Amino acid sequence: MGQSTPPPHLPNTRIVMATDGSTKDDRPSSSALVIMDDDTFTNEASPESLARYSSWSIPESNNFHAELSGLCAALTSVPVSWPVDIHIDNLAWIKSVLNSTVHPCMPIRRLLRLSGRPYILMASRAILARSDFAQHNGQALPHTQLLHVHCHTEAIDI
């Protein structure tokens, strides 16, 4: 096994992120990723108060793909050696990704019918890679947690 990037903080520190996707009418969808800091929960959320954020468009009008694009960005934006909590407002794709992670050799016919197949495969493979790293370190908490939050609640659910 090669070298890994050491976590940026104490061993029990986790990187906390939130992702979201958005689609309006027939316009290209967009995604966003926020990496939170200790002040995120005490400040009014604005681009100036957030530690790090990024947003981008995808070349289609598909909210499911926009949501999954955010998850893939979150999973690949930090080294596998850093434990993460990712807050997501779409329970359907959390279940799709986790199901694909649990069953990495799903039948090709079922795989072909999945909406967002490339994103789901990328996310599940990233989670498996992170899981492989965590098994060698014996961490108490899950190394990668996908946490569902209810959407459109005026930021009172995190």
C-alpha atoms as a PDB file:
ATOM      1  CA  MET A   1       0.000   0.000   0.000  1.00  0.00           C
ATOM      2  CA  GLY A   2       1.357   3.437  -0.949  1.00  0.00           C
ATOM      3  CA  GLN A   3       1.737   6.492   1.210  1.00  0.00           C
ATOM      4  CA  SER A   4      -1.343   8.355   2.313  1.00  0.00           C
ATOM      5  CA  THR A   5      -1.944  12.000   3.050  1.00  0.00           C
ATOM      6  CA  PRO A   6      -2.217  12.488   6.820  1.00  0.00           C
ATOM      7  CA  PRO A   7      -5.448  14.035   8.122  1.00  0.00           C
ATOM      8  CA  PRO A   8      -5.193  17.802   8.600  1.00  0.00           C
ATOM      9  CA  HIS A   9      -6.268  17.746  12.248  1.00  0.00           C
ATOM     10  CA  LEU A  10      -6.540  15.503  15.281  1.00  0.00           C
ATOM     11  CA  PRO A  11      -7.345  11.823  14.621  1.00  0.00           C
ATOM     12  CA  ASN A  12     -11.011  12.171  15.687  1.00  0.00           C
ATOM     13  CA  THR A  13     -11.644  15.138  13.353  1.00  0.00           C
ATOM     14  CA  ARG A  14     -13.974  14.629  10.420  1.00  0.00           C
ATOM     15  CA  ILE A  15     -14.399  16.709   7.279  1.00  0.00           C
ATOM     16  CA  VAL A  16     -18.042  17.870   7.064  1.00  0.00           C
ATOM     17  CA  MET A  17     -19.520  18.667   3.658  1.00  0.00           C
ATOM     18  CA  ALA A  18     -22.915  19.356   2.119  1.00  0.00           C
ATOM     19  CA  THR A  19     -23.964  18.915  -1.492  1.00  0.00           C
ATOM     20  CA  ASP A  20     -27.010  19.881  -3.525  1.00  0.00           C
ATOM     21  CA  GLY A  21     -28.249  19.849  -7.081  1.00  0.00           C
ATOM     22  CA  SER A  22     -30.768  22.100  -8.770  1.00  0.00           C
ATOM     23  CA  THR A  23     -32.732  22.151 -11.996  1.00  0.00           C
ATOM     24  CA  LYS A  24     -35.114  24.815 -13.260  1.00  0.00           C
ATOM     25  CA  ASP A  25     -37.287  24.404 -16.331  1.00  0.00           C
ATOM     26  CA  ASP A  26     -35.252  23.033 -19.262  1.00  0.00           C
ATOM     27  CA  ARG A  27     -32.021  24.815 -18.365  1.00  0.00           C
ATOM     28  CA  PRO A  28     -28.774  22.959 -17.597  1.00  0.00           C
ATOM     29  CA  SER A  29     -28.710  21.640 -14.048  1.00  0.00           C
ATOM     30  CA  SER A  30     -26.207  22.843 -11.484  1.00  0.00           C
ATOM     31  CA  SER A  31     -24.491  21.337  -8.448  1.00  0.00           C
ATOM     32  CA  ALA A  32     -22.826  22.731  -5.369  1.00  0.00           C
ATOM     33  CA  LEU A  33     -20.428  21.463  -2.718  1.00  0.00           C
ATOM     34  CA  VAL A  34     -19.704  23.184   0.586  1.00  0.00           C
ATOM     35  CA  ILE A  35     -16.885  22.176   2.931  1.00  0.00           C
ATOM     36  CA  MET A  36     -17.959  23.443   6.329  1.00  0.00           C
ATOM     37  CA  ASP A  37     -15.908  24.777   9.210  1.00  0.00           C
ATOM     38  CA  ASP A  38     -16.671  25.249  12.903  1.00  0.00           C
ATOM     39  CA  ASP A  39     -18.381  28.593  12.246  1.00  0.00           C
ATOM     40  CA  THR A  40     -20.756  27.296   9.562  1.00  0.00           C
ATOM     41  CA  PHE A  41     -23.461  26.396  12.075  1.00  0.00           C
ATOM     42  CA  THR A  42     -23.275  29.647  14.030  1.00  0.00           C
ATOM     43  CA  ASN A  43     -23.247  32.108  11.110  1.00  0.00           C
ATOM     44  CA  GLU A  44     -25.960  32.977   8.652  1.00  0.00           C
ATOM     45  CA  ALA A  45     -25.098  30.922   5.574  1.00  0.00           C
ATOM     46  CA  SER A  46     -23.676  33.087   2.821  1.00  0.00           C
ATOM     47  CA  PRO A  47     -20.784  32.622   0.398  1.00  0.00           C
ATOM     48  CA  GLU A  48     -18.671  34.881   2.622  1.00  0.00           C
ATOM     49  CA  SER A  49     -19.337  32.794   5.766  1.00  0.00           C
ATOM     50  CA  LEU A  50     -18.683  29.400   4.227  1.00  0.00           C
ATOM     51  CA  ALA A  51     -15.219  27.892   4.528  1.00  0.00           C
ATOM     52  CA  ARG A  52     -14.956  26.552   0.992  1.00  0.00           C
ATOM     53  CA  TYR A  53     -17.559  26.116  -1.681  1.00  0.00           C
ATOM     54  CA  SER A  54     -17.810  25.328  -5.358  1.00  0.00           C
ATOM     55  CA  SER A  55     -20.638  25.260  -7.866  1.00  0.00           C
ATOM     56  CA  TRP A  56     -20.822  24.117 -11.470  1.00  0.00           C
ATOM     57  CA  SER A  57     -23.273  23.271 -14.249  1.00  0.00           C
ATOM     58  CA  ILE A  58     -23.774  19.934 -15.926  1.00  0.00           C
ATOM     59  CA  PRO A  59     -24.643  19.848 -19.651  1.00  0.00           C
ATOM     60  CA  GLU A  60     -28.185  18.506 -19.207  1.00  0.00           C
ATOM     61  CA  SER A  61     -31.415  19.245 -17.382  1.00  0.00           C
ATOM     62  CA  ASN A  62     -31.516  16.366 -14.893  1.00  0.00           C
ATOM     63  CA  ASN A  63     -31.749  17.016 -11.158  1.00  0.00           C
ATOM     64  CA  PHE A  64     -30.876  13.431 -10.212  1.00  0.00           C
ATOM     65  CA  HIS A  65     -27.590  13.746 -12.116  1.00  0.00           C
ATOM     66  CA  ALA A  66     -26.934  17.159 -10.573  1.00  0.00           C
ATOM     67  CA  GLU A  67     -27.385  15.702  -7.077  1.00  0.00           C
ATOM     68  CA  LEU A  68     -25.091  12.768  -7.859  1.00  0.00           C
ATOM     69  CA  SER A  69     -22.496  15.086  -9.394  1.00  0.00           C
ATOM     70  CA  GLY A  70     -22.271  16.876  -6.039  1.00  0.00           C
ATOM     71  CA  LEU A  71     -21.709  13.615  -4.175  1.00  0.00           C
ATOM     72  CA  CYS A  72     -18.972  12.525  -6.574  1.00  0.00           C
ATOM     73  CA  ALA A  73     -17.250  15.879  -6.143  1.00  0.00           C
ATOM     74  CA  ALA A  74     -17.434  15.553  -2.359  1.00  0.00           C
ATOM     75  CA  LEU A  75     -16.050  12.020  -2.324  1.00  0.00           C
ATOM     76  CA  THR A  76     -13.135  12.883  -4.583  1.00  0.00           C
ATOM     77  CA  SER A  77     -12.266  16.307  -3.147  1.00  0.00           C
ATOM     78  CA  VAL A  78     -10.402  15.008  -0.102  1.00  0.00           C
ATOM     79  CA  PRO A  79      -7.869  12.162   0.239  1.00  0.00           C
ATOM     80  CA  VAL A  80      -9.203   8.723   1.185  1.00  0.00           C
ATOM     81  CA  SER A  81      -7.333   8.965   4.486  1.00  0.00           C
ATOM     82  CA  TRP A  82      -9.595  11.807   5.720  1.00  0.00           C
ATOM     83  CA  PRO A  83     -12.906  10.710   7.302  1.00  0.00           C
ATOM     84  CA  VAL A  84     -15.937  12.570   5.930  1.00  0.00           C
ATOM     85  CA  ASP A  85     -19.565  13.278   6.768  1.00  0.00           C
ATOM     86  CA  ILE A  86     -21.529  14.335   3.692  1.00  0.00           C
ATOM     87  CA  HIS A  87     -24.947  15.943   4.186  1.00  0.00           C
ATOM     88  CA  ILE A  88     -27.314  15.250   1.294  1.00  0.00           C
ATOM     89  CA  ASP A  89     -30.987  16.089   0.763  1.00  0.00           C
ATOM     90  CA  ASN A  90     -31.826  13.296  -1.698  1.00  0.00           C
ATOM     91  CA  LEU A  91     -32.521  10.008   0.081  1.00  0.00           C
ATOM     92  CA  ALA A  92     -33.176   8.148  -3.199  1.00  0.00           C
ATOM     93  CA  TRP A  93     -29.653   8.565  -4.470  1.00  0.00           C
ATOM     94  CA  ILE A  94     -28.114   7.872  -1.057  1.00  0.00           C
ATOM     95  CA  LYS A  95     -29.902   4.515  -1.224  1.00  0.00           C
ATOM     96  CA  SER A  96     -28.825   3.952  -4.857  1.00  0.00           C
ATOM     97  CA  VAL A  97     -25.171   4.609  -4.086  1.00  0.00           C
ATOM     98  CA  LEU A  98     -25.136   2.575  -0.877  1.00  0.00           C
ATOM     99  CA  ASN A  99     -26.947  -0.312  -2.598  1.00  0.00           C
ATOM    100  CA  SER A 100     -24.342  -0.254  -5.367  1.00  0.00           C
ATOM    101  CA  THR A 101     -21.618  -0.236  -2.704  1.00  0.00           C
ATOM    102  CA  VAL A 102     -23.103  -3.260  -0.935  1.00  0.00           C
ATOM    103  CA  HIS A 103     -23.592  -5.105  -4.242  1.00  0.00           C
ATOM    104  CA  PRO A 104     -20.574  -4.041  -6.371  1.00  0.00           C
ATOM    105  CA  CYS A 105     -21.128  -6.945  -8.801  1.00  0.00           C
ATOM    106  CA  MET A 106     -24.769  -6.271  -9.595  1.00  0.00           C
ATOM    107  CA  PRO A 107     -26.133  -7.897 -12.758  1.00  0.00           C
ATOM    108  CA  ILE A 108     -25.435  -5.892 -15.917  1.00  0.00           C
ATOM    109  CA  ARG A 109     -29.143  -5.765 -16.831  1.00  0.00           C
ATOM    110  CA  ARG A 110     -29.985  -4.084 -13.529  1.00  0.00           C
ATOM    111  CA  LEU A 111     -26.992  -1.783 -13.826  1.00  0.00           C
ATOM    112  CA  LEU A 112     -28.053  -0.634 -17.297  1.00  0.00           C
ATOM    113  CA  ARG A 113     -31.458   0.448 -15.952  1.00  0.00           C
ATOM    114  CA  LEU A 114     -29.987   2.686 -13.233  1.00  0.00           C
ATOM    115  CA  SER A 115     -30.521   6.387 -13.736  1.00  0.00           C
ATOM    116  CA  GLY A 116     -27.224   8.190 -13.219  1.00  0.00           C
ATOM    117  CA  ARG A 117     -25.230   4.992 -13.678  1.00  0.00           C
ATOM    118  CA  PRO A 118     -21.805   6.643 -14.231  1.00  0.00           C
ATOM    119  CA  TYR A 119     -22.229   8.834 -11.136  1.00  0.00           C
ATOM    120  CA  ILE A 120     -23.495   5.946  -9.001  1.00  0.00           C
ATOM    121  CA  LEU A 121     -20.584   3.727 -10.032  1.00  0.00           C
ATOM    122  CA  MET A 122     -18.051   6.492  -9.422  1.00  0.00           C
ATOM    123  CA  ALA A 123     -19.501   7.295  -5.975  1.00  0.00           C
ATOM    124  CA  SER A 124     -19.759   3.655  -4.899  1.00  0.00           C
ATOM    125  CA  ARG A 125     -16.186   2.925  -6.032  1.00  0.00           C
ATOM    126  CA  ALA A 126     -14.931   5.990  -4.148  1.00  0.00           C
ATOM    127  CA  ILE A 127     -16.747   4.815  -1.005  1.00  0.00           C
ATOM    128  CA  LEU A 128     -15.260   1.325  -1.403  1.00  0.00           C
ATOM    129  CA  ALA A 129     -11.751   2.800  -1.795  1.00  0.00           C
ATOM    130  CA  ARG A 130     -12.277   4.909   1.320  1.00  0.00           C
ATOM    131  CA  SER A 131     -13.594   1.830   3.154  1.00  0.00           C
ATOM    132  CA  ASP A 132     -10.530  -0.208   2.148  1.00  0.00           C
ATOM    133  CA  PHE A 133      -8.304   2.495   3.623  1.00  0.00           C
ATOM    134  CA  ALA A 134     -10.337   2.668   6.852  1.00  0.00           C
ATOM    135  CA  GLN A 135     -10.062  -1.103   7.406  1.00  0.00           C
ATOM    136  CA  HIS A 136      -6.309  -0.758   7.663  1.00  0.00           C
ATOM    137  CA  ASN A 137      -6.587   1.983  10.292  1.00  0.00           C
ATOM    138  CA  GLY A 138      -9.192   0.466  12.640  1.00  0.00           C
ATOM    139  CA  GLN A 139     -11.260   3.625  13.076  1.00  0.00           C
ATOM    140  CA  ALA A 140     -14.265   3.459  15.404  1.00  0.00           C
ATOM    141  CA  LEU A 141     -16.691   5.550  13.297  1.00  0.00           C
ATOM    142  CA  PRO A 142     -17.548   4.774   9.674  1.00  0.00           C
ATOM    143  CA  HIS A 143     -14.921   6.415   7.499  1.00  0.00           C
ATOM    144  CA  THR A 144     -17.486   7.808   5.025  1.00  0.00           C
ATOM    145  CA  GLN A 145     -20.969   8.753   6.188  1.00  0.00           C
ATOM    146  CA  LEU A 146     -23.769   9.894   3.875  1.00  0.00           C
ATOM    147  CA  LEU A 147     -26.251  11.742   6.068  1.00  0.00           C
ATOM    148  CA  HIS A 148     -29.746  12.591   4.863  1.00  0.00           C
ATOM    149  CA  VAL A 149     -31.107  16.049   5.628  1.00  0.00           C
ATOM    150  CA  HIS A 150     -34.563  17.295   4.744  1.00  0.00           C
ATOM    151  CA  CYS A 151     -34.586  19.908   2.017  1.00  0.00           C
ATOM    152  CA  HIS A 152     -36.116  23.385   2.094  1.00  0.00           C
ATOM    153  CA  THR A 153     -36.232  23.679   5.898  1.00  0.00           C
ATOM    154  CA  GLU A 154     -34.572  27.100   6.288  1.00  0.00           C
ATOM    155  CA  ALA A 155     -31.296  25.472   7.450  1.00  0.00           C
ATOM    156  CA  ILE A 156     -32.741  24.134  10.710  1.00  0.00           C
ATOM    157  CA  ASP A 157     -32.139  20.433  10.064  1.00  0.00           C
ATOM    158  CA  ILE A 158     -28.343  20.120  10.178  1.00  0.00           C
END
